[in-house]
Protein backbone atom coordinates (compact mmCIF):
# COMPACT_ATOMS: atom_id res chain seq x y z
CA PRO A 1 46.20 23.63 71.30
CA LEU A 2 44.36 26.12 69.06
CA LYS A 3 45.99 29.02 70.84
CA GLN A 4 49.34 27.31 70.43
CA ARG A 5 48.77 27.34 66.62
CA GLY A 6 47.92 31.03 66.82
CA LEU A 7 44.25 30.70 65.78
CA GLN A 8 42.10 33.39 67.36
CA PRO A 9 38.32 33.12 67.92
CA MET A 10 37.62 35.53 65.02
CA GLU A 11 39.70 33.42 62.70
CA LEU A 12 37.89 30.29 63.81
CA LYS A 13 34.56 31.93 63.05
CA ARG A 14 35.80 32.99 59.63
CA ILE A 15 36.96 29.45 58.86
CA ALA A 16 33.59 28.07 59.99
CA ARG A 17 31.75 30.56 57.75
CA LEU A 18 33.93 29.57 54.79
CA ALA A 19 33.28 25.90 55.49
CA ARG A 20 29.53 26.48 55.59
CA ALA A 21 29.70 28.55 52.40
CA GLY A 22 31.66 25.75 50.72
CA ASP A 23 29.05 23.23 51.80
CA ARG A 24 26.28 25.43 50.33
CA VAL A 25 28.16 25.76 47.03
CA LEU A 26 28.70 22.01 46.81
CA THR A 27 25.05 21.36 47.69
CA TRP A 28 23.90 23.89 45.06
CA PHE A 29 26.25 22.44 42.44
CA ALA A 30 25.08 18.87 43.15
CA GLY A 31 21.46 20.00 42.89
CA PHE A 32 22.24 21.78 39.63
CA LEU A 33 23.79 18.60 38.20
CA VAL A 34 20.75 16.56 39.25
CA LEU A 35 18.45 19.14 37.62
CA LEU A 36 20.50 19.03 34.42
CA MET A 37 20.29 15.23 34.36
CA LEU A 38 16.52 15.33 34.89
CA LEU A 39 16.09 17.93 32.15
CA TYR A 40 18.28 15.95 29.75
CA GLY A 41 16.43 12.73 30.55
CA GLY A 42 13.09 14.46 30.00
CA TYR A 43 14.25 15.95 26.72
CA SER A 44 15.58 12.58 25.55
CA LEU A 45 12.24 10.93 26.29
CA TRP A 46 10.39 13.76 24.54
CA ASP A 47 12.70 13.61 21.53
CA THR A 48 12.50 9.81 21.28
CA ASN A 49 8.71 9.96 21.52
CA ASN A 50 8.58 12.58 18.76
CA VAL A 51 10.87 10.52 16.51
CA MET A 52 8.86 7.35 17.05
CA ASN A 53 5.45 9.01 16.64
CA GLY A 54 6.76 11.01 13.69
CA GLY A 55 6.96 7.77 11.74
CA PHE A 56 3.17 7.35 11.73
CA ILE A 57 1.08 8.91 8.99
CA SER A 58 -0.08 12.41 9.91
CA ASP A 59 -3.58 13.80 9.45
CA GLU A 60 -2.08 16.29 7.00
CA LEU A 61 -0.83 13.49 4.74
CA LEU A 62 -3.96 11.38 5.15
CA HIS A 63 -5.81 14.20 3.42
CA TYR A 64 -4.01 13.15 0.22
CA LYS A 65 -4.83 9.45 0.43
CA PRO A 66 -6.95 8.27 -2.54
CA THR A 67 -10.52 7.61 -1.49
CA GLY A 68 -11.38 4.97 -4.07
CA VAL A 69 -10.32 2.92 -7.03
CA ASN A 70 -11.02 5.69 -9.51
CA ASP A 71 -10.26 8.68 -7.32
CA CYS A 72 -6.57 9.61 -7.26
CA ALA A 73 -7.11 13.37 -7.46
CA ARG A 74 -5.89 13.84 -3.89
CA LEU A 75 -2.72 11.88 -4.62
CA GLN A 76 -2.09 14.12 -7.61
CA GLU A 77 -2.36 17.12 -5.27
CA LEU A 78 0.45 15.63 -3.21
CA MET A 79 2.45 15.01 -6.37
CA ALA A 80 2.07 18.71 -7.18
CA LYS A 81 3.55 19.58 -3.76
CA ASN A 82 6.49 17.22 -4.29
CA PRO A 83 7.14 15.89 -7.80
CA ASP A 84 9.12 12.99 -6.26
CA VAL A 85 5.85 11.42 -5.02
CA VAL A 86 5.08 8.26 -7.01
CA GLY A 87 2.15 6.57 -5.29
CA TRP A 88 0.57 5.28 -2.10
CA VAL A 89 0.78 1.80 -0.58
CA THR A 90 -1.60 0.32 2.00
CA ILE A 91 -1.42 -3.11 3.67
CA ASP A 92 -4.79 -3.85 5.25
CA GLY A 93 -4.87 -4.32 9.02
CA THR A 94 -1.45 -2.73 9.60
CA ASN A 95 0.17 0.68 10.06
CA ILE A 96 1.64 0.41 6.54
CA ASP A 97 -0.40 3.14 4.90
CA TYR A 98 1.90 5.70 3.28
CA PRO A 99 2.62 7.72 0.17
CA PHE A 100 5.98 6.87 -1.37
CA VAL A 101 8.57 8.78 -3.34
CA GLN A 102 11.50 8.18 -5.65
CA GLY A 103 14.61 10.28 -5.08
CA LYS A 104 17.67 10.95 -7.17
CA ASP A 105 19.34 8.03 -5.35
CA ASN A 106 18.45 5.49 -2.67
CA GLN A 107 19.82 7.67 0.14
CA GLU A 108 17.96 10.93 -0.45
CA TYR A 109 14.85 10.03 1.54
CA LEU A 110 16.49 8.14 4.39
CA ASN A 111 16.21 11.28 6.54
CA LYS A 112 13.58 13.29 4.67
CA ASN A 113 9.82 12.87 4.80
CA VAL A 114 7.51 12.68 1.82
CA LEU A 115 7.33 16.49 1.65
CA GLY A 116 11.10 16.76 1.47
CA GLU A 117 11.47 18.03 5.05
CA SER A 118 14.14 16.77 7.45
CA ALA A 119 12.82 13.76 9.42
CA VAL A 120 14.66 11.00 11.27
CA SER A 121 11.95 8.50 10.30
CA GLY A 122 12.52 9.26 6.61
CA ALA A 123 9.98 8.28 3.95
CA VAL A 124 8.88 5.20 2.05
CA PHE A 125 10.75 5.30 -1.25
CA LEU A 126 10.93 3.39 -4.52
CA ASP A 127 14.25 2.00 -5.73
CA THR A 128 15.78 4.29 -8.34
CA ARG A 129 16.16 1.34 -10.74
CA ASN A 130 12.38 1.01 -10.95
CA SER A 131 10.10 2.85 -13.34
CA ARG A 132 8.06 5.65 -11.74
CA ALA A 133 5.09 4.31 -13.72
CA MET A 134 5.20 1.14 -11.56
CA THR A 135 5.04 -0.99 -14.71
CA ASP A 136 8.08 -3.14 -13.86
CA SER A 137 7.58 -6.81 -13.13
CA TYR A 138 9.49 -6.41 -9.84
CA ASN A 139 9.16 -3.21 -7.78
CA LEU A 140 11.07 -2.54 -4.55
CA LEU A 141 10.07 -0.15 -1.76
CA TYR A 142 12.23 0.73 1.25
CA ALA A 143 11.45 2.23 4.66
CA HIS A 144 12.93 2.33 8.13
CA HIS A 145 12.05 -0.35 10.67
CA MET A 146 10.55 1.33 13.75
CA ASP A 147 9.89 -0.67 16.91
CA ASN A 148 6.51 0.99 17.52
CA GLY A 149 5.17 -0.36 14.23
CA ALA A 150 5.57 2.85 12.24
CA MET A 151 6.95 2.92 8.69
CA PHE A 152 7.70 -0.74 7.81
CA GLY A 153 7.93 -1.91 11.43
CA ASP A 154 4.74 -3.94 10.98
CA VAL A 155 6.45 -6.23 8.48
CA ASP A 156 7.60 -8.15 11.57
CA ARG A 157 4.00 -8.96 12.47
CA PHE A 158 3.81 -11.21 9.39
CA LEU A 159 6.39 -13.53 10.96
CA ASP A 160 3.48 -14.88 13.00
CA ARG A 161 1.74 -17.47 10.85
CA GLY A 162 -1.69 -16.59 12.17
CA PHE A 163 -1.23 -12.91 11.36
CA PHE A 164 0.15 -13.76 7.93
CA ASP A 165 -2.85 -15.95 7.10
CA LEU A 166 -5.36 -13.27 8.18
CA HIS A 167 -3.72 -10.27 6.50
CA ARG A 168 -3.19 -11.01 2.84
CA THR A 169 -4.51 -7.91 1.09
CA GLY A 170 -3.57 -4.34 0.34
CA THR A 171 -3.80 -1.60 -2.27
CA LEU A 172 -1.31 0.19 -4.48
CA TYR A 173 -2.38 3.62 -5.73
CA THR A 174 -0.65 5.42 -8.59
CA LYS A 175 -1.63 8.35 -10.79
CA ASP A 176 -3.10 5.75 -13.16
CA GLY A 177 -5.47 4.23 -10.60
CA ALA A 178 -5.62 1.59 -7.89
CA PHE A 179 -4.35 -2.00 -7.90
CA ARG A 180 -5.15 -4.72 -5.41
CA LEU A 181 -2.25 -6.45 -3.63
CA ARG A 182 -2.14 -10.12 -2.63
CA ILE A 183 0.48 -10.89 0.01
CA VAL A 184 2.52 -13.89 -1.13
CA ALA A 185 5.46 -14.07 1.31
CA VAL A 186 7.44 -12.60 4.16
CA CYS A 187 11.18 -13.25 3.80
CA SER A 188 14.38 -12.84 5.81
CA PHE A 189 17.66 -12.44 3.95
CA ALA A 190 21.04 -10.71 3.98
CA ALA A 191 21.64 -7.10 2.95
CA SER A 192 23.91 -8.47 0.22
CA ASP A 193 21.12 -10.50 -1.43
CA ASP A 194 21.41 -9.54 -5.12
CA ILE A 195 18.21 -11.30 -6.14
CA ILE A 196 15.89 -9.56 -3.68
CA PHE A 197 17.72 -6.28 -4.26
CA GLY A 198 17.59 -6.60 -8.05
CA PRO A 199 14.37 -4.83 -9.07
CA GLY A 200 13.35 -3.90 -12.59
CA ASN A 201 11.49 -5.26 -15.56
CA LEU A 202 12.61 -8.91 -15.31
CA ASP A 203 12.50 -11.38 -18.15
CA GLN A 204 10.80 -14.76 -17.73
CA ALA A 205 13.93 -16.57 -16.51
CA SER A 206 14.77 -13.83 -13.99
CA MET A 207 11.21 -13.79 -12.66
CA GLN A 208 11.28 -17.57 -12.19
CA THR A 209 14.59 -17.17 -10.33
CA LEU A 210 13.03 -14.47 -8.12
CA LEU A 211 9.97 -16.56 -7.29
CA ALA A 212 12.13 -19.59 -6.46
CA HIS A 213 14.36 -17.43 -4.26
CA ILE A 214 11.34 -16.00 -2.47
CA SER A 215 10.23 -19.53 -1.60
CA GLN A 216 13.73 -20.41 -0.34
CA THR A 217 14.09 -17.33 1.90
CA ALA A 218 10.48 -17.15 3.03
CA VAL A 219 9.43 -17.48 6.64
CA HIS A 220 5.89 -17.94 5.29
CA ALA A 221 4.88 -18.09 1.64
CA ASP A 222 1.95 -18.76 -0.65
CA THR A 223 3.12 -18.05 -4.18
CA ASP A 224 0.54 -20.28 -5.87
CA GLY A 225 -0.80 -18.47 -8.89
CA ALA A 226 2.16 -16.11 -9.18
CA GLY A 227 3.76 -17.08 -12.48
CA PHE A 228 6.54 -15.62 -14.60
CA ASP A 229 4.10 -12.98 -15.90
CA ALA A 230 3.26 -11.74 -12.39
CA ARG A 231 4.02 -8.25 -11.14
CA ILE A 232 5.61 -8.22 -7.68
CA ILE A 233 6.14 -5.45 -5.14
CA ALA A 234 8.47 -5.91 -2.15
CA LEU A 235 8.41 -3.82 1.04
CA SER A 236 11.94 -4.05 2.44
CA THR A 237 13.23 -2.97 5.86
CA CYS A 238 15.92 -3.81 8.41
CA SER A 239 15.67 -6.82 10.72
CA ASP A 240 17.00 -7.46 14.22
CA LYS A 241 20.11 -9.16 12.82
CA THR A 242 23.33 -7.40 11.82
CA ASN A 243 23.18 -6.82 8.06
CA GLY A 244 19.84 -8.61 8.05
CA ARG A 245 16.84 -7.51 6.05
CA ARG A 246 13.19 -8.49 5.92
CA ALA A 247 10.60 -7.97 3.22
CA LEU A 248 6.89 -8.39 2.68
CA LEU A 249 6.16 -9.39 -0.91
CA ALA A 250 2.88 -9.02 -2.74
CA GLU A 251 1.51 -9.69 -6.19
CA ILE A 252 0.07 -6.65 -7.94
CA LEU A 253 -3.30 -7.73 -9.35
């Protein structure tokens, strides 16, 4: 039948060689695609790991952390490197241990670190409506929520009552010195909450409204002793709900 179609032995050999060559090309191409997928997967894991770990405080920045109540010289060094730096906040027993900044608006430091460099994890930053002197009665800090506990990811740990009860202290450092923090509540609320997201130097009525609202939205709270003359700082971040937010609130002592 092959002879009837006019195919000669040399032609058959040529066809066979072409078929084998085609198989080799397809095999090489498939291997190349697999290699590309492996390389991309490896890069994605590497990049994700860098992003996640990049949210933790670096040894370089820890150099600038104040070493005591009356020693903020290191923090002032950091302020000299970036005039946007305002202070440093630490919540004992957690990964929340960061310098914080105040930008020209509340978007500037979403994707920049405390030194002003591009960073997916962003920086901890003070609401632009607050005084840089941290003298307002209600101060509001923001940071990304990271699943590995970096930035303000550890706010979620306070949802556990046992953890909340055992971790009630922290420190706020500014150029004027150090202030102890007493954790008073962890709250869940909507991104549209005007009371939580209404920082500033509140009058007595507004502070009473804030404290009442904290009690209403709190997962856990202990606001005893925090009166209308209290100074409050809130550490706000995203939650696992669409348009949901979560905040750890402390009294500045």
